Amino acid sequence: MAILDILHFPDPRLRNRAKPVSEVDARVRKLADDMLETMYKAPGIGLAAVQVNVPLRVVTIDISEERDQPLVLINPEILERDGVEEMSEGCLSVPGIYEKVKRANHIRFRALDLEGQPLEQEAEGLLAVCVQHEIDHLDGKLFVDYLSSLKRQRIRKKLEKEARQQAEPAPAGTAI
């Protein structure tokens, strides 16, 4: 397993639409394993392949406190949505930023599992929000897109400034 680099907003690659997985094979299972390891280390509760610059419809999620209930969704799609939930969301691609976002409180979705078998499941609350958030990533959408353009611009400027500061070389010391 390997830790993957997570893309950060406003990286344009986060806007790529992911392609469906044609076959669940060893390559896809390795990607899912690496994504889980990356997600746990970050730490986060969800990660989409687009966030690690792999344009495939693969999502990893684990909302458990013990971090021992991984859910891998391949080619996920939402079948039904109802209710409204407003929850504070964050994102591994938008580090340090948390904002309230309205989403469906209850969803029904389907996907393939790591064996390529179809699964269909209902979710509500945090799991429903997380599935919607990650599927948005697969479609090139970020949670900041639900915010006002002013808030989105402020977040962009803050993250760009932090990235520039991290990229600046440390001042040279004085040799004695």
C-alpha atoms as a PDB file:
ATOM      1  CA  MET A   1       0.000   0.000   0.000  1.00  0.00           C
ATOM      2  CA  ALA A   2       1.063   3.576  -0.578  1.00  0.00           C
ATOM      3  CA  ILE A   3       0.169   7.057   0.595  1.00  0.00           C
ATOM      4  CA  LEU A   4      -1.060   9.085  -2.382  1.00  0.00           C
ATOM      5  CA  ASP A   5      -0.758  12.848  -2.882  1.00  0.00           C
ATOM      6  CA  ILE A   6      -4.060  14.657  -2.379  1.00  0.00           C
ATOM      7  CA  LEU A   7      -4.824  17.521  -4.772  1.00  0.00           C
ATOM      8  CA  HIS A   8      -5.806  20.826  -3.148  1.00  0.00           C
ATOM      9  CA  PHE A   9      -8.344  23.426  -4.263  1.00  0.00           C
ATOM     10  CA  PRO A  10      -8.099  25.334  -6.602  1.00  0.00           C
ATOM     11  CA  ASP A  11      -6.138  22.680  -8.572  1.00  0.00           C
ATOM     12  CA  PRO A  12      -8.018  22.391 -11.905  1.00  0.00           C
ATOM     13  CA  ARG A  13      -7.607  18.584 -11.911  1.00  0.00           C
ATOM     14  CA  LEU A  14     -10.233  18.463  -9.135  1.00  0.00           C
ATOM     15  CA  ARG A  15     -12.735  19.581 -11.800  1.00  0.00           C
ATOM     16  CA  ASN A  16     -12.162  16.477 -13.953  1.00  0.00           C
ATOM     17  CA  ARG A  17     -15.121  14.147 -14.350  1.00  0.00           C
ATOM     18  CA  ALA A  18     -14.196  10.589 -13.441  1.00  0.00           C
ATOM     19  CA  LYS A  19     -14.656   7.768 -15.935  1.00  0.00           C
ATOM     20  CA  PRO A  20     -16.554   4.597 -15.019  1.00  0.00           C
ATOM     21  CA  VAL A  21     -14.498   1.583 -13.998  1.00  0.00           C
ATOM     22  CA  SER A  22     -14.927  -1.026 -16.743  1.00  0.00           C
ATOM     23  CA  GLU A  23     -13.591  -3.967 -14.737  1.00  0.00           C
ATOM     24  CA  VAL A  24     -12.946  -4.411 -11.023  1.00  0.00           C
ATOM     25  CA  ASP A  25      -9.494  -5.967 -11.154  1.00  0.00           C
ATOM     26  CA  ALA A  26      -6.305  -6.056  -9.061  1.00  0.00           C
ATOM     27  CA  ARG A  27      -5.386  -2.538 -10.235  1.00  0.00           C
ATOM     28  CA  VAL A  28      -8.683  -1.103  -8.950  1.00  0.00           C
ATOM     29  CA  ARG A  29      -8.404  -3.035  -5.669  1.00  0.00           C
ATOM     30  CA  LYS A  30      -4.855  -1.681  -5.154  1.00  0.00           C
ATOM     31  CA  LEU A  31      -6.097   1.846  -5.859  1.00  0.00           C
ATOM     32  CA  ALA A  32      -8.859   1.367  -3.257  1.00  0.00           C
ATOM     33  CA  ASP A  33      -6.342   0.056  -0.691  1.00  0.00           C
ATOM     34  CA  ASP A  34      -4.013   2.995  -1.327  1.00  0.00           C
ATOM     35  CA  MET A  35      -6.947   5.422  -1.098  1.00  0.00           C
ATOM     36  CA  LEU A  36      -8.035   3.938   2.242  1.00  0.00           C
ATOM     37  CA  GLU A  37      -4.505   4.209   3.625  1.00  0.00           C
ATOM     38  CA  THR A  38      -4.259   7.800   2.368  1.00  0.00           C
ATOM     39  CA  MET A  39      -7.696   8.693   3.783  1.00  0.00           C
ATOM     40  CA  TYR A  40      -6.899   7.246   7.217  1.00  0.00           C
ATOM     41  CA  LYS A  41      -3.503   8.971   7.390  1.00  0.00           C
ATOM     42  CA  ALA A  42      -4.860  12.372   6.299  1.00  0.00           C
ATOM     43  CA  PRO A  43      -7.131  11.865   8.457  1.00  0.00           C
ATOM     44  CA  GLY A  44     -10.477  11.911   6.691  1.00  0.00           C
ATOM     45  CA  ILE A  45     -13.734   9.979   6.401  1.00  0.00           C
ATOM     46  CA  GLY A  46     -14.012   9.961   2.609  1.00  0.00           C
ATOM     47  CA  LEU A  47     -11.827  10.171  -0.469  1.00  0.00           C
ATOM     48  CA  ALA A  48     -12.603  10.108  -4.184  1.00  0.00           C
ATOM     49  CA  ALA A  49     -10.064   8.890  -6.747  1.00  0.00           C
ATOM     50  CA  VAL A  50     -10.215  12.283  -8.493  1.00  0.00           C
ATOM     51  CA  GLN A  51      -8.697  13.809  -5.335  1.00  0.00           C
ATOM     52  CA  VAL A  52      -5.563  11.682  -5.838  1.00  0.00           C
ATOM     53  CA  ASN A  53      -5.453  12.516  -9.564  1.00  0.00           C
ATOM     54  CA  VAL A  54      -6.939   9.222 -10.747  1.00  0.00           C
ATOM     55  CA  PRO A  55      -9.982   9.980 -12.944  1.00  0.00           C
ATOM     56  CA  LEU A  56     -11.916   6.806 -12.094  1.00  0.00           C
ATOM     57  CA  ARG A  57     -15.275   6.476 -10.333  1.00  0.00           C
ATOM     58  CA  VAL A  58     -13.894   5.011  -7.091  1.00  0.00           C
ATOM     59  CA  VAL A  59     -14.733   6.256  -3.581  1.00  0.00           C
ATOM     60  CA  THR A  60     -13.569   5.181  -0.127  1.00  0.00           C
ATOM     61  CA  ILE A  61     -15.515   6.024   3.042  1.00  0.00           C
ATOM     62  CA  ASP A  62     -15.264   5.141   6.720  1.00  0.00           C
ATOM     63  CA  ILE A  63     -17.397   7.123   9.152  1.00  0.00           C
ATOM     64  CA  SER A  64     -16.810   4.753  12.090  1.00  0.00           C
ATOM     65  CA  GLU A  65     -15.133   6.103  15.228  1.00  0.00           C
ATOM     66  CA  GLU A  66     -12.801   3.081  15.277  1.00  0.00           C
ATOM     67  CA  ARG A  67     -11.951   3.518  11.585  1.00  0.00           C
ATOM     68  CA  ASP A  68     -12.598  -0.153  10.992  1.00  0.00           C
ATOM     69  CA  GLN A  69     -15.633  -0.139   8.674  1.00  0.00           C
ATOM     70  CA  PRO A  70     -14.258   0.798   5.254  1.00  0.00           C
ATOM     71  CA  LEU A  71     -16.730   1.162   2.430  1.00  0.00           C
ATOM     72  CA  VAL A  72     -15.453   1.100  -1.150  1.00  0.00           C
ATOM     73  CA  LEU A  73     -17.876   2.212  -3.848  1.00  0.00           C
ATOM     74  CA  ILE A  74     -17.063   1.680  -7.505  1.00  0.00           C
ATOM     75  CA  ASN A  75     -19.200   3.505 -10.087  1.00  0.00           C
ATOM     76  CA  PRO A  76     -21.545   4.824  -7.370  1.00  0.00           C
ATOM     77  CA  GLU A  77     -24.761   6.559  -8.290  1.00  0.00           C
ATOM     78  CA  ILE A  78     -27.572   8.028  -6.241  1.00  0.00           C
ATOM     79  CA  LEU A  79     -30.982   6.570  -7.030  1.00  0.00           C
ATOM     80  CA  GLU A  80     -33.160   8.573  -4.618  1.00  0.00           C
ATOM     81  CA  ARG A  81     -32.791  11.593  -2.349  1.00  0.00           C
ATOM     82  CA  ASP A  82     -35.134  13.027   0.242  1.00  0.00           C
ATOM     83  CA  GLY A  83     -35.148  15.306   3.249  1.00  0.00           C
ATOM     84  CA  VAL A  84     -32.701  18.106   3.912  1.00  0.00           C
ATOM     85  CA  GLU A  85     -29.692  18.049   6.221  1.00  0.00           C
ATOM     86  CA  GLU A  86     -27.461  21.029   6.902  1.00  0.00           C
ATOM     87  CA  MET A  87     -24.120  19.831   8.152  1.00  0.00           C
ATOM     88  CA  SER A  88     -20.685  21.356   8.548  1.00  0.00           C
ATOM     89  CA  GLU A  89     -18.450  19.815   5.875  1.00  0.00           C
ATOM     90  CA  GLY A  90     -14.741  19.765   5.371  1.00  0.00           C
ATOM     91  CA  CYS A  91     -12.643  18.198   2.649  1.00  0.00           C
ATOM     92  CA  LEU A  92      -9.156  16.755   2.357  1.00  0.00           C
ATOM     93  CA  SER A  93      -8.773  18.831  -0.834  1.00  0.00           C
ATOM     94  CA  VAL A  94      -9.801  22.031   0.976  1.00  0.00           C
ATOM     95  CA  PRO A  95      -7.724  21.672   4.163  1.00  0.00           C
ATOM     96  CA  GLY A  96      -8.704  23.537   7.304  1.00  0.00           C
ATOM     97  CA  ILE A  97     -11.980  24.875   5.881  1.00  0.00           C
ATOM     98  CA  TYR A  98     -15.367  23.857   7.312  1.00  0.00           C
ATOM     99  CA  GLU A  99     -18.675  25.308   6.141  1.00  0.00           C
ATOM    100  CA  LYS A 100     -22.347  24.383   6.433  1.00  0.00           C
ATOM    101  CA  VAL A 101     -23.792  22.722   3.325  1.00  0.00           C
ATOM    102  CA  LYS A 102     -27.364  21.574   2.655  1.00  0.00           C
ATOM    103  CA  ARG A 103     -27.753  18.081   1.215  1.00  0.00           C
ATOM    104  CA  ALA A 104     -30.343  15.313   1.190  1.00  0.00           C
ATOM    105  CA  ASN A 105     -30.654  13.656   4.605  1.00  0.00           C
ATOM    106  CA  HIS A 106     -31.657  10.272   3.181  1.00  0.00           C
ATOM    107  CA  ILE A 107     -30.439   8.634  -0.007  1.00  0.00           C
ATOM    108  CA  ARG A 108     -30.546   5.306  -1.775  1.00  0.00           C
ATOM    109  CA  PHE A 109     -27.499   4.504  -3.880  1.00  0.00           C
ATOM    110  CA  ARG A 110     -25.948   1.682  -5.834  1.00  0.00           C
ATOM    111  CA  ALA A 111     -22.386   0.790  -6.719  1.00  0.00           C
ATOM    112  CA  LEU A 112     -20.068  -2.148  -7.245  1.00  0.00           C
ATOM    113  CA  ASP A 113     -18.028  -3.562  -4.361  1.00  0.00           C
ATOM    114  CA  LEU A 114     -14.374  -4.665  -4.481  1.00  0.00           C
ATOM    115  CA  GLU A 115     -15.418  -8.010  -5.942  1.00  0.00           C
ATOM    116  CA  GLY A 116     -17.337  -6.296  -8.744  1.00  0.00           C
ATOM    117  CA  GLN A 117     -20.655  -7.324  -7.196  1.00  0.00           C
ATOM    118  CA  PRO A 118     -23.535  -4.845  -7.272  1.00  0.00           C
ATOM    119  CA  LEU A 119     -24.707  -3.403  -3.980  1.00  0.00           C
ATOM    120  CA  GLU A 120     -27.630  -1.154  -3.234  1.00  0.00           C
ATOM    121  CA  GLN A 121     -27.933   0.614   0.081  1.00  0.00           C
ATOM    122  CA  GLU A 122     -29.862   3.301   1.916  1.00  0.00           C
ATOM    123  CA  ALA A 123     -28.058   5.885   4.010  1.00  0.00           C
ATOM    124  CA  GLU A 124     -28.976   8.823   6.181  1.00  0.00           C
ATOM    125  CA  GLY A 125     -27.226  11.458   8.222  1.00  0.00           C
ATOM    126  CA  LEU A 126     -23.435  11.530   8.039  1.00  0.00           C
ATOM    127  CA  LEU A 127     -23.128   8.546   5.681  1.00  0.00           C
ATOM    128  CA  ALA A 128     -25.656  10.065   3.254  1.00  0.00           C
ATOM    129  CA  VAL A 129     -23.814  13.395   3.314  1.00  0.00           C
ATOM    130  CA  CYS A 130     -20.444  11.686   2.823  1.00  0.00           C
ATOM    131  CA  VAL A 131     -21.646   9.611  -0.157  1.00  0.00           C
ATOM    132  CA  GLN A 132     -23.096  12.732  -1.814  1.00  0.00           C
ATOM    133  CA  HIS A 133     -19.891  14.705  -1.129  1.00  0.00           C
ATOM    134  CA  GLU A 134     -17.673  12.011  -2.676  1.00  0.00           C
ATOM    135  CA  ILE A 135     -19.912  11.466  -5.703  1.00  0.00           C
ATOM    136  CA  ASP A 136     -19.765  15.232  -6.267  1.00  0.00           C
ATOM    137  CA  HIS A 137     -15.959  14.875  -6.492  1.00  0.00           C
ATOM    138  CA  LEU A 138     -16.398  12.232  -9.203  1.00  0.00           C
ATOM    139  CA  ASP A 139     -18.444  14.779 -11.131  1.00  0.00           C
ATOM    140  CA  GLY A 140     -15.849  17.548 -10.721  1.00  0.00           C
ATOM    141  CA  LYS A 141     -17.759  19.375  -7.994  1.00  0.00           C
ATOM    142  CA  LEU A 142     -16.453  20.497  -4.588  1.00  0.00           C
ATOM    143  CA  PHE A 143     -18.349  21.394  -1.432  1.00  0.00           C
ATOM    144  CA  VAL A 144     -17.172  25.007  -1.839  1.00  0.00           C
ATOM    145  CA  ASP A 145     -19.368  25.157  -4.973  1.00  0.00           C
ATOM    146  CA  TYR A 146     -22.380  25.189  -2.631  1.00  0.00           C
ATOM    147  CA  LEU A 147     -21.104  28.379  -0.964  1.00  0.00           C
ATOM    148  CA  SER A 148     -21.469  31.963  -2.107  1.00  0.00           C
ATOM    149  CA  SER A 149     -18.971  33.142  -4.697  1.00  0.00           C
ATOM    150  CA  LEU A 150     -17.550  35.571  -2.109  1.00  0.00           C
ATOM    151  CA  LYS A 151     -16.869  32.767   0.407  1.00  0.00           C
ATOM    152  CA  ARG A 152     -15.420  30.569  -2.341  1.00  0.00           C
ATOM    153  CA  GLN A 153     -13.089  33.384  -3.463  1.00  0.00           C
ATOM    154  CA  ARG A 154     -11.909  33.990   0.124  1.00  0.00           C
ATOM    155  CA  ILE A 155     -11.185  30.292   0.584  1.00  0.00           C
ATOM    156  CA  ARG A 156      -9.299  30.172  -2.721  1.00  0.00           C
ATOM    157  CA  LYS A 157      -7.146  33.171  -1.793  1.00  0.00           C
ATOM    158  CA  LYS A 158      -6.410  31.774   1.673  1.00  0.00           C
ATOM    159  CA  LEU A 159      -5.341  28.375   0.306  1.00  0.00           C
ATOM    160  CA  GLU A 160      -3.278  29.931  -2.502  1.00  0.00           C
ATOM    161  CA  LYS A 161      -1.464  32.123   0.046  1.00  0.00           C
ATOM    162  CA  GLU A 162      -0.756  29.110   2.282  1.00  0.00           C
ATOM    163  CA  ALA A 163       0.568  27.148  -0.702  1.00  0.00           C
ATOM    164  CA  ARG A 164       2.889  30.018  -1.689  1.00  0.00           C
ATOM    165  CA  GLN A 165       4.190  30.299   1.869  1.00  0.00           C
ATOM    166  CA  GLN A 166       4.915  26.570   2.018  1.00  0.00           C
ATOM    167  CA  ALA A 167       6.736  26.734  -1.326  1.00  0.00           C
ATOM    168  CA  GLU A 168       9.019  29.632  -0.317  1.00  0.00           C
ATOM    169  CA  PRO A 169      12.542  28.548   0.538  1.00  0.00           C
ATOM    170  CA  ALA A 170      13.674  29.101   4.105  1.00  0.00           C
ATOM    171  CA  PRO A 171      15.977  32.081   4.527  1.00  0.00           C
ATOM    172  CA  ALA A 172      19.641  31.186   4.302  1.00  0.00           C
ATOM    173  CA  GLY A 173      21.472  31.115   7.606  1.00  0.00           C
ATOM    174  CA  THR A 174      24.658  32.960   8.324  1.00  0.00           C
ATOM    175  CA  ALA A 175      27.761  30.830   8.117  1.00  0.00           C
ATOM    176  CA  ILE A 176      30.171  31.189  11.021  1.00  0.00           C
END
